[in-house]
Amino acid sequence: MVINCEVCGAKFRLDSDKLNKSRNKVRCTKCKHIFVVDQPDENGLIHIEISDEEREFIPGTIPEESDRGTDPVKDSRWSLKKKVLIAGVPAVLVLVFVALFFWRGVALEFLPAKTAPVAAPTPVVTITDSVQAYYLENVHSGQVLVIEGEVLNESSRPVSFVMIEGKLFDSKDAISQTQRCYAGNAFTRKEVTNLKAAEIQEKMMNREGKNLKNVRIPPAGKAPFMLVFHNLPEISTLSNYSINVISSKFD
């Protein structure tokens, strides 16, 4: 004979000869629900009627009278589904973690929190009050303006490759000419008078300075510099000049 589970509705074939009692307890192999099966009557009908006392001892059964009035099969399936979902959440999380851990064969790494980059220390190099400016007559390019002085390393570490920039301004405070040089290069007045402009320019841009005077200037140490401006505009149009240290490097 064929019986139906009263909870999940699964059908099973059962040998009636095994029903040796008038009322027999059976377990559904699908949902594990336990219910009572009576021996078939003379018409071959199976009566599944359970008393209230039997319901108290058979888990999974639902009283016939319910205040909610809901379908017992539907309620049991929903409850089972919720249990499966809740039990499956940790397993899914574990699978996701394992997949990420071994994705592309690379283990997960916990990255450190991003921090703002720390600015590198900057050397402190200043120009002393010894600056002076004067005109000389060069035999090749005519009148030139010479600005000379010294730089002072006010840092706590040696510095090298100090570069100076000088600017000439006209009467309207507009920049008339700009010249650069490295510290550690100085000329005699005879050299400024007789050297060609290109030669003077090349010597001014000697990065290490003459006799390495622009390398490893010690703390509180000084180095000379000299700017020579060629091809000057009309002298009467010049009103002022500026000198600034624009670059240097820690050793």
C-alpha atoms as a PDB file:
ATOM      1  CA  MET A   1       0.000   0.000   0.000  1.00  0.00           C
ATOM      2  CA  VAL A   2       1.038   3.658  -0.463  1.00  0.00           C
ATOM      3  CA  ILE A   3       1.089   6.181   2.378  1.00  0.00           C
ATOM      4  CA  ASN A   4       1.693   9.954   2.388  1.00  0.00           C
ATOM      5  CA  CYS A   5       3.708  11.864   4.967  1.00  0.00           C
ATOM      6  CA  GLU A   6       1.316  14.306   6.614  1.00  0.00           C
ATOM      7  CA  VAL A   7       4.058  17.028   6.807  1.00  0.00           C
ATOM      8  CA  CYS A   8       6.064  16.991   3.582  1.00  0.00           C
ATOM      9  CA  GLY A   9       3.592  15.019   1.456  1.00  0.00           C
ATOM     10  CA  ALA A  10       6.164  12.420   0.313  1.00  0.00           C
ATOM     11  CA  LYS A  11       4.695   9.133  -0.883  1.00  0.00           C
ATOM     12  CA  PHE A  12       6.047   5.771   0.225  1.00  0.00           C
ATOM     13  CA  ARG A  13       5.164   2.158  -0.532  1.00  0.00           C
ATOM     14  CA  LEU A  14       4.629   0.178   2.675  1.00  0.00           C
ATOM     15  CA  ASP A  15       4.094  -3.545   3.052  1.00  0.00           C
ATOM     16  CA  SER A  16       0.813  -3.874   4.994  1.00  0.00           C
ATOM     17  CA  ASP A  17       2.063  -7.137   6.469  1.00  0.00           C
ATOM     18  CA  LYS A  18       4.529  -5.110   8.530  1.00  0.00           C
ATOM     19  CA  LEU A  19       1.662  -3.335  10.251  1.00  0.00           C
ATOM     20  CA  ASN A  20       1.346  -5.853  13.058  1.00  0.00           C
ATOM     21  CA  LYS A  21      -0.624  -3.509  15.278  1.00  0.00           C
ATOM     22  CA  SER A  22      -3.871  -1.698  14.797  1.00  0.00           C
ATOM     23  CA  ARG A  23      -1.970   1.623  15.121  1.00  0.00           C
ATOM     24  CA  ASN A  24       1.670   1.783  14.053  1.00  0.00           C
ATOM     25  CA  LYS A  25       4.223   4.581  14.322  1.00  0.00           C
ATOM     26  CA  VAL A  26       6.262   5.244  11.170  1.00  0.00           C
ATOM     27  CA  ARG A  27       9.022   7.752  10.383  1.00  0.00           C
ATOM     28  CA  CYS A  28       9.235   9.679   7.077  1.00  0.00           C
ATOM     29  CA  THR A  29      12.667   9.038   5.557  1.00  0.00           C
ATOM     30  CA  LYS A  30      12.568  12.429   3.876  1.00  0.00           C
ATOM     31  CA  CYS A  31      11.652  14.915   6.609  1.00  0.00           C
ATOM     32  CA  LYS A  32      12.035  12.531   9.609  1.00  0.00           C
ATOM     33  CA  HIS A  33       8.506  13.282  10.787  1.00  0.00           C
ATOM     34  CA  ILE A  34       6.924  10.538  12.957  1.00  0.00           C
ATOM     35  CA  PHE A  35       3.234   9.797  12.489  1.00  0.00           C
ATOM     36  CA  VAL A  36       0.739   6.950  13.098  1.00  0.00           C
ATOM     37  CA  VAL A  37      -0.589   4.593  10.424  1.00  0.00           C
ATOM     38  CA  ASP A  38      -3.544   2.310  11.035  1.00  0.00           C
ATOM     39  CA  GLN A  39      -3.993  -1.053   9.435  1.00  0.00           C
ATOM     40  CA  PRO A  40      -6.231  -0.787   6.363  1.00  0.00           C
ATOM     41  CA  ASP A  41      -9.868  -1.801   6.851  1.00  0.00           C
ATOM     42  CA  GLU A  42     -11.725  -4.284   4.750  1.00  0.00           C
ATOM     43  CA  ASN A  43     -12.034  -1.686   1.998  1.00  0.00           C
ATOM     44  CA  GLY A  44      -8.254  -1.118   1.876  1.00  0.00           C
ATOM     45  CA  LEU A  45      -8.491   2.402   3.339  1.00  0.00           C
ATOM     46  CA  ILE A  46      -5.827   3.763   5.704  1.00  0.00           C
ATOM     47  CA  HIS A  47      -6.947   5.890   8.588  1.00  0.00           C
ATOM     48  CA  ILE A  48      -4.386   8.430   9.880  1.00  0.00           C
ATOM     49  CA  GLU A  49      -6.094   9.744  12.932  1.00  0.00           C
ATOM     50  CA  ILE A  50      -4.031  10.775  15.928  1.00  0.00           C
ATOM     51  CA  SER A  51      -5.439  11.586  19.338  1.00  0.00           C
ATOM     52  CA  ASP A  52      -4.415  14.692  21.229  1.00  0.00           C
ATOM     53  CA  GLU A  53      -2.394  12.579  23.681  1.00  0.00           C
ATOM     54  CA  GLU A  54      -0.503  10.934  20.841  1.00  0.00           C
ATOM     55  CA  ARG A  55       0.260  14.306  19.316  1.00  0.00           C
ATOM     56  CA  GLU A  56       1.992  15.344  22.538  1.00  0.00           C
ATOM     57  CA  PHE A  57       4.439  12.472  22.151  1.00  0.00           C
ATOM     58  CA  ILE A  58       4.950  12.551  18.374  1.00  0.00           C
ATOM     59  CA  PRO A  59       7.136  15.541  17.345  1.00  0.00           C
ATOM     60  CA  GLY A  60       6.302  17.382  14.175  1.00  0.00           C
ATOM     61  CA  THR A  61       2.517  16.971  14.319  1.00  0.00           C
ATOM     62  CA  ILE A  62       0.210  19.966  14.459  1.00  0.00           C
ATOM     63  CA  PRO A  63      -3.135  20.033  16.288  1.00  0.00           C
ATOM     64  CA  GLU A  64      -6.152  20.046  14.023  1.00  0.00           C
ATOM     65  CA  GLU A  65      -7.522  23.126  15.731  1.00  0.00           C
ATOM     66  CA  SER A  66      -5.209  26.136  15.265  1.00  0.00           C
ATOM     67  CA  ASP A  67      -5.884  29.749  16.065  1.00  0.00           C
ATOM     68  CA  ARG A  68      -3.827  30.797  13.072  1.00  0.00           C
ATOM     69  CA  GLY A  69      -5.823  28.728  10.592  1.00  0.00           C
ATOM     70  CA  THR A  70      -2.770  28.186   8.385  1.00  0.00           C
ATOM     71  CA  ASP A  71      -1.914  25.205   6.240  1.00  0.00           C
ATOM     72  CA  PRO A  72       0.239  22.796   8.339  1.00  0.00           C
ATOM     73  CA  VAL A  73       2.296  21.665   5.345  1.00  0.00           C
ATOM     74  CA  LYS A  74       3.087  25.209   4.286  1.00  0.00           C
ATOM     75  CA  ASP A  75       4.068  26.304   7.799  1.00  0.00           C
ATOM     76  CA  SER A  76       6.358  23.309   8.350  1.00  0.00           C
ATOM     77  CA  ARG A  77       8.132  23.829   5.062  1.00  0.00           C
ATOM     78  CA  TRP A  78       8.726  27.506   5.743  1.00  0.00           C
ATOM     79  CA  SER A  79      10.092  26.757   9.199  1.00  0.00           C
ATOM     80  CA  LEU A  80      12.434  24.124   7.769  1.00  0.00           C
ATOM     81  CA  LYS A  81      13.574  26.509   5.032  1.00  0.00           C
ATOM     82  CA  LYS A  82      14.431  29.195   7.578  1.00  0.00           C
ATOM     83  CA  LYS A  83      16.451  26.731   9.602  1.00  0.00           C
ATOM     84  CA  VAL A  84      18.372  25.630   6.519  1.00  0.00           C
ATOM     85  CA  LEU A  85      19.087  29.231   5.527  1.00  0.00           C
ATOM     86  CA  ILE A  86      20.242  30.246   8.974  1.00  0.00           C
ATOM     87  CA  ALA A  87      22.443  27.181   9.283  1.00  0.00           C
ATOM     88  CA  GLY A  88      23.860  27.768   5.788  1.00  0.00           C
ATOM     89  CA  VAL A  89      24.976  31.397   6.339  1.00  0.00           C
ATOM     90  CA  PRO A  90      28.197  30.518   8.248  1.00  0.00           C
ATOM     91  CA  ALA A  91      29.033  27.872   5.663  1.00  0.00           C
ATOM     92  CA  VAL A  92      28.620  30.388   2.814  1.00  0.00           C
ATOM     93  CA  LEU A  93      30.818  32.909   4.625  1.00  0.00           C
ATOM     94  CA  VAL A  94      33.508  30.268   5.125  1.00  0.00           C
ATOM     95  CA  LEU A  95      33.386  29.339   1.435  1.00  0.00           C
ATOM     96  CA  VAL A  96      33.668  33.007   0.388  1.00  0.00           C
ATOM     97  CA  PHE A  97      36.646  33.541   2.699  1.00  0.00           C
ATOM     98  CA  VAL A  98      38.411  30.423   1.413  1.00  0.00           C
ATOM     99  CA  ALA A  99      37.759  31.460  -2.205  1.00  0.00           C
ATOM    100  CA  LEU A 100      39.216  34.914  -1.568  1.00  0.00           C
ATOM    101  CA  PHE A 101      42.133  33.465   0.355  1.00  0.00           C
ATOM    102  CA  PHE A 102      43.224  31.213  -2.490  1.00  0.00           C
ATOM    103  CA  TRP A 103      42.087  33.371  -5.413  1.00  0.00           C
ATOM    104  CA  ARG A 104      44.841  33.369  -8.016  1.00  0.00           C
ATOM    105  CA  GLY A 105      47.078  31.568  -5.542  1.00  0.00           C
ATOM    106  CA  VAL A 106      47.704  34.702  -3.523  1.00  0.00           C
ATOM    107  CA  ALA A 107      47.089  34.742   0.215  1.00  0.00           C
ATOM    108  CA  LEU A 108      45.084  37.581   1.681  1.00  0.00           C
ATOM    109  CA  GLU A 109      47.095  40.356   3.257  1.00  0.00           C
ATOM    110  CA  PHE A 110      45.767  42.900   5.693  1.00  0.00           C
ATOM    111  CA  LEU A 111      46.915  46.242   4.330  1.00  0.00           C
ATOM    112  CA  PRO A 112      48.030  48.866   6.803  1.00  0.00           C
ATOM    113  CA  ALA A 113      45.968  51.986   7.128  1.00  0.00           C
ATOM    114  CA  LYS A 114      46.945  54.727   4.747  1.00  0.00           C
ATOM    115  CA  THR A 115      48.844  57.548   6.315  1.00  0.00           C
ATOM    116  CA  ALA A 116      49.742  60.932   4.965  1.00  0.00           C
ATOM    117  CA  PRO A 117      53.190  61.019   3.363  1.00  0.00           C
ATOM    118  CA  VAL A 118      55.845  62.638   5.494  1.00  0.00           C
ATOM    119  CA  ALA A 119      57.544  65.532   3.772  1.00  0.00           C
ATOM    120  CA  ALA A 120      61.289  65.157   3.381  1.00  0.00           C
ATOM    121  CA  PRO A 121      63.329  67.705   5.362  1.00  0.00           C
ATOM    122  CA  THR A 122      64.532  70.692   3.371  1.00  0.00           C
ATOM    123  CA  PRO A 123      67.978  72.239   3.828  1.00  0.00           C
ATOM    124  CA  VAL A 124      68.057  75.757   5.246  1.00  0.00           C
ATOM    125  CA  VAL A 125      70.542  77.845   3.260  1.00  0.00           C
ATOM    126  CA  THR A 126      70.503  81.636   3.403  1.00  0.00           C
ATOM    127  CA  ILE A 127      72.387  84.503   1.803  1.00  0.00           C
ATOM    128  CA  THR A 128      74.567  86.582   4.123  1.00  0.00           C
ATOM    129  CA  ASP A 129      74.670  90.372   4.299  1.00  0.00           C
ATOM    130  CA  SER A 130      77.968  90.455   2.402  1.00  0.00           C
ATOM    131  CA  VAL A 131      76.218  90.870  -0.990  1.00  0.00           C
ATOM    132  CA  GLN A 132      77.527  93.645  -3.227  1.00  0.00           C
ATOM    133  CA  ALA A 133      76.831  94.653  -6.823  1.00  0.00           C
ATOM    134  CA  TYR A 134      79.048  96.591  -9.273  1.00  0.00           C
ATOM    135  CA  TYR A 135      79.617  97.177 -12.984  1.00  0.00           C
ATOM    136  CA  LEU A 136      82.668  96.096 -14.962  1.00  0.00           C
ATOM    137  CA  GLU A 137      83.694  96.510 -18.590  1.00  0.00           C
ATOM    138  CA  ASN A 138      84.183  93.195 -20.380  1.00  0.00           C
ATOM    139  CA  VAL A 139      86.424  93.297 -23.463  1.00  0.00           C
ATOM    140  CA  HIS A 140      84.068  91.036 -25.430  1.00  0.00           C
ATOM    141  CA  SER A 141      80.527  91.984 -24.407  1.00  0.00           C
ATOM    142  CA  GLY A 142      80.831  95.467 -22.965  1.00  0.00           C
ATOM    143  CA  GLN A 143      79.375  96.471 -19.643  1.00  0.00           C
ATOM    144  CA  VAL A 144      78.377  93.642 -17.253  1.00  0.00           C
ATOM    145  CA  LEU A 145      76.786  93.652 -13.812  1.00  0.00           C
ATOM    146  CA  VAL A 146      78.435  91.526 -11.114  1.00  0.00           C
ATOM    147  CA  ILE A 147      76.615  90.467  -7.924  1.00  0.00           C
ATOM    148  CA  GLU A 148      78.679  88.511  -5.426  1.00  0.00           C
ATOM    149  CA  GLY A 149      78.244  87.284  -1.869  1.00  0.00           C
ATOM    150  CA  GLU A 150      78.158  84.163   0.318  1.00  0.00           C
ATOM    151  CA  VAL A 151      75.637  81.509   1.269  1.00  0.00           C
ATOM    152  CA  LEU A 152      75.346  80.139   4.818  1.00  0.00           C
ATOM    153  CA  ASN A 153      74.298  76.577   5.688  1.00  0.00           C
ATOM    154  CA  GLU A 154      71.945  76.940   8.657  1.00  0.00           C
ATOM    155  CA  SER A 155      70.978  73.245   8.627  1.00  0.00           C
ATOM    156  CA  SER A 156      72.219  70.647  11.104  1.00  0.00           C
ATOM    157  CA  ARG A 157      73.626  68.500   8.275  1.00  0.00           C
ATOM    158  CA  PRO A 158      76.054  69.168   5.401  1.00  0.00           C
ATOM    159  CA  VAL A 159      74.506  70.408   2.160  1.00  0.00           C
ATOM    160  CA  SER A 160      75.637  70.377  -1.464  1.00  0.00           C
ATOM    161  CA  PHE A 161      74.786  71.816  -4.873  1.00  0.00           C
ATOM    162  CA  VAL A 162      73.399  75.157  -3.697  1.00  0.00           C
ATOM    163  CA  MET A 163      71.920  77.117  -6.609  1.00  0.00           C
ATOM    164  CA  ILE A 164      71.237  80.877  -6.590  1.00  0.00           C
ATOM    165  CA  GLU A 165      68.940  82.880  -8.836  1.00  0.00           C
ATOM    166  CA  GLY A 166      69.280  86.609  -9.414  1.00  0.00           C
ATOM    167  CA  LYS A 167      66.745  88.947 -11.033  1.00  0.00           C
ATOM    168  CA  LEU A 168      67.071  92.502 -12.345  1.00  0.00           C
ATOM    169  CA  PHE A 169      64.014  94.785 -12.216  1.00  0.00           C
ATOM    170  CA  ASP A 170      63.209  97.863 -14.243  1.00  0.00           C
ATOM    171  CA  SER A 171      61.672 101.097 -12.993  1.00  0.00           C
ATOM    172  CA  LYS A 172      58.186  99.524 -13.186  1.00  0.00           C
ATOM    173  CA  ASP A 173      59.266  96.545 -11.022  1.00  0.00           C
ATOM    174  CA  ALA A 174      59.041  94.199 -14.002  1.00  0.00           C
ATOM    175  CA  ILE A 175      61.705  91.489 -14.375  1.00  0.00           C
ATOM    176  CA  SER A 176      64.238  92.683 -16.902  1.00  0.00           C
ATOM    177  CA  GLN A 177      66.752  89.817 -16.739  1.00  0.00           C
ATOM    178  CA  THR A 178      67.285  86.543 -14.835  1.00  0.00           C
ATOM    179  CA  GLN A 179      70.561  84.737 -14.173  1.00  0.00           C
ATOM    180  CA  ARG A 180      71.494  81.590 -12.235  1.00  0.00           C
ATOM    181  CA  CYS A 181      74.687  80.165 -10.790  1.00  0.00           C
ATOM    182  CA  TYR A 182      75.941  77.491  -8.398  1.00  0.00           C
ATOM    183  CA  ALA A 183      77.650  78.475  -5.155  1.00  0.00           C
ATOM    184  CA  GLY A 184      81.376  77.844  -4.852  1.00  0.00           C
ATOM    185  CA  ASN A 185      82.242  79.632  -8.123  1.00  0.00           C
ATOM    186  CA  ALA A 186      83.915  83.007  -7.905  1.00  0.00           C
ATOM    187  CA  PHE A 187      86.130  84.975 -10.348  1.00  0.00           C
ATOM    188  CA  THR A 188      88.714  87.622 -10.074  1.00  0.00           C
ATOM    189  CA  ARG A 189      87.932  90.984 -11.645  1.00  0.00           C
ATOM    190  CA  LYS A 190      90.530  90.264 -14.291  1.00  0.00           C
ATOM    191  CA  GLU A 191      88.695  87.069 -15.265  1.00  0.00           C
ATOM    192  CA  VAL A 192      85.348  88.869 -15.437  1.00  0.00           C
ATOM    193  CA  THR A 193      86.931  91.505 -17.665  1.00  0.00           C
ATOM    194  CA  ASN A 194      88.716  89.181 -20.090  1.00  0.00           C
ATOM    195  CA  LEU A 195      86.668  85.945 -20.293  1.00  0.00           C
ATOM    196  CA  LYS A 196      83.983  85.528 -22.935  1.00  0.00           C
ATOM    197  CA  ALA A 197      80.371  85.459 -21.815  1.00  0.00           C
ATOM    198  CA  ALA A 198      80.034  81.730 -22.657  1.00  0.00           C
ATOM    199  CA  GLU A 199      83.117  80.896 -20.590  1.00  0.00           C
ATOM    200  CA  ILE A 200      81.827  82.848 -17.603  1.00  0.00           C
ATOM    201  CA  GLN A 201      78.446  81.179 -17.925  1.00  0.00           C
ATOM    202  CA  GLU A 202      80.022  77.727 -18.008  1.00  0.00           C
ATOM    203  CA  LYS A 203      82.102  78.423 -14.901  1.00  0.00           C
ATOM    204  CA  MET A 204      79.094  79.827 -13.009  1.00  0.00           C
ATOM    205  CA  MET A 205      77.139  76.591 -13.677  1.00  0.00           C
ATOM    206  CA  ASN A 206      79.838  74.278 -12.298  1.00  0.00           C
ATOM    207  CA  ARG A 207      77.603  72.195  -9.997  1.00  0.00           C
ATOM    208  CA  GLU A 208      80.326  71.107  -7.545  1.00  0.00           C
ATOM    209  CA  GLY A 209      81.899  74.579  -7.393  1.00  0.00           C
ATOM    210  CA  LYS A 210      85.530  75.477  -7.861  1.00  0.00           C
ATOM    211  CA  ASN A 211      87.698  73.078  -5.819  1.00  0.00           C
ATOM    212  CA  LEU A 212      84.476  71.333  -4.654  1.00  0.00           C
ATOM    213  CA  LYS A 213      83.426  74.331  -2.569  1.00  0.00           C
ATOM    214  CA  ASN A 214      79.758  73.511  -3.253  1.00  0.00           C
ATOM    215  CA  VAL A 215      79.997  69.936  -1.927  1.00  0.00           C
ATOM    216  CA  ARG A 216      79.337  69.003   1.705  1.00  0.00           C
ATOM    217  CA  ILE A 217      79.146  72.517   3.063  1.00  0.00           C
ATOM    218  CA  PRO A 218      79.160  71.848   6.833  1.00  0.00           C
ATOM    219  CA  PRO A 219      76.606  73.245   9.300  1.00  0.00           C
ATOM    220  CA  ALA A 220      77.329  76.991   9.802  1.00  0.00           C
ATOM    221  CA  GLY A 221      79.694  76.738   6.814  1.00  0.00           C
ATOM    222  CA  LYS A 222      79.794  79.285   3.967  1.00  0.00           C
ATOM    223  CA  ALA A 223      80.448  79.213   0.227  1.00  0.00           C
ATOM    224  CA  PRO A 224      80.988  82.172  -2.166  1.00  0.00           C
ATOM    225  CA  PHE A 225      78.912  82.846  -5.275  1.00  0.00           C
ATOM    226  CA  MET A 226      79.071  85.261  -8.201  1.00  0.00           C
ATOM    227  CA  LEU A 227      76.410  86.222 -10.744  1.00  0.00           C
ATOM    228  CA  VAL A 228      77.471  87.996 -13.955  1.00  0.00           C
ATOM    229  CA  PHE A 229      74.758  89.635 -16.111  1.00  0.00           C
ATOM    230  CA  HIS A 230      75.622  90.207 -19.793  1.00  0.00           C
ATOM    231  CA  ASN A 231      73.754  92.052 -22.539  1.00  0.00           C
ATOM    232  CA  LEU A 232      72.327  94.543 -20.093  1.00  0.00           C
ATOM    233  CA  PRO A 233      69.466  96.883 -21.011  1.00  0.00           C
ATOM    234  CA  GLU A 234      69.889 100.628 -20.684  1.00  0.00           C
ATOM    235  CA  ILE A 235      71.382 101.190 -17.204  1.00  0.00           C
ATOM    236  CA  SER A 236      68.953 103.998 -16.487  1.00  0.00           C
ATOM    237  CA  THR A 237      66.014 101.557 -16.789  1.00  0.00           C
ATOM    238  CA  LEU A 238      67.281  99.274 -14.001  1.00  0.00           C
ATOM    239  CA  SER A 239      66.081 100.038 -10.489  1.00  0.00           C
ATOM    240  CA  ASN A 240      66.629  96.988  -8.265  1.00  0.00           C
ATOM    241  CA  TYR A 241      67.680  93.351  -8.039  1.00  0.00           C
ATOM    242  CA  SER A 242      66.942  90.230  -5.935  1.00  0.00           C
ATOM    243  CA  ILE A 243      69.016  87.192  -4.919  1.00  0.00           C
ATOM    244  CA  ASN A 244      67.494  83.904  -3.688  1.00  0.00           C
ATOM    245  CA  VAL A 245      68.624  80.353  -2.959  1.00  0.00           C
ATOM    246  CA  ILE A 246      66.371  78.165  -5.137  1.00  0.00           C
ATOM    247  CA  SER A 247      67.754  74.671  -4.514  1.00  0.00           C
ATOM    248  CA  SER A 248      70.150  72.647  -2.370  1.00  0.00           C
ATOM    249  CA  LYS A 249      70.562  69.048  -1.262  1.00  0.00           C
ATOM    250  CA  PHE A 250      71.396  67.196   1.937  1.00  0.00           C
ATOM    251  CA  ASP A 251      74.352  64.821   1.795  1.00  0.00           C
END
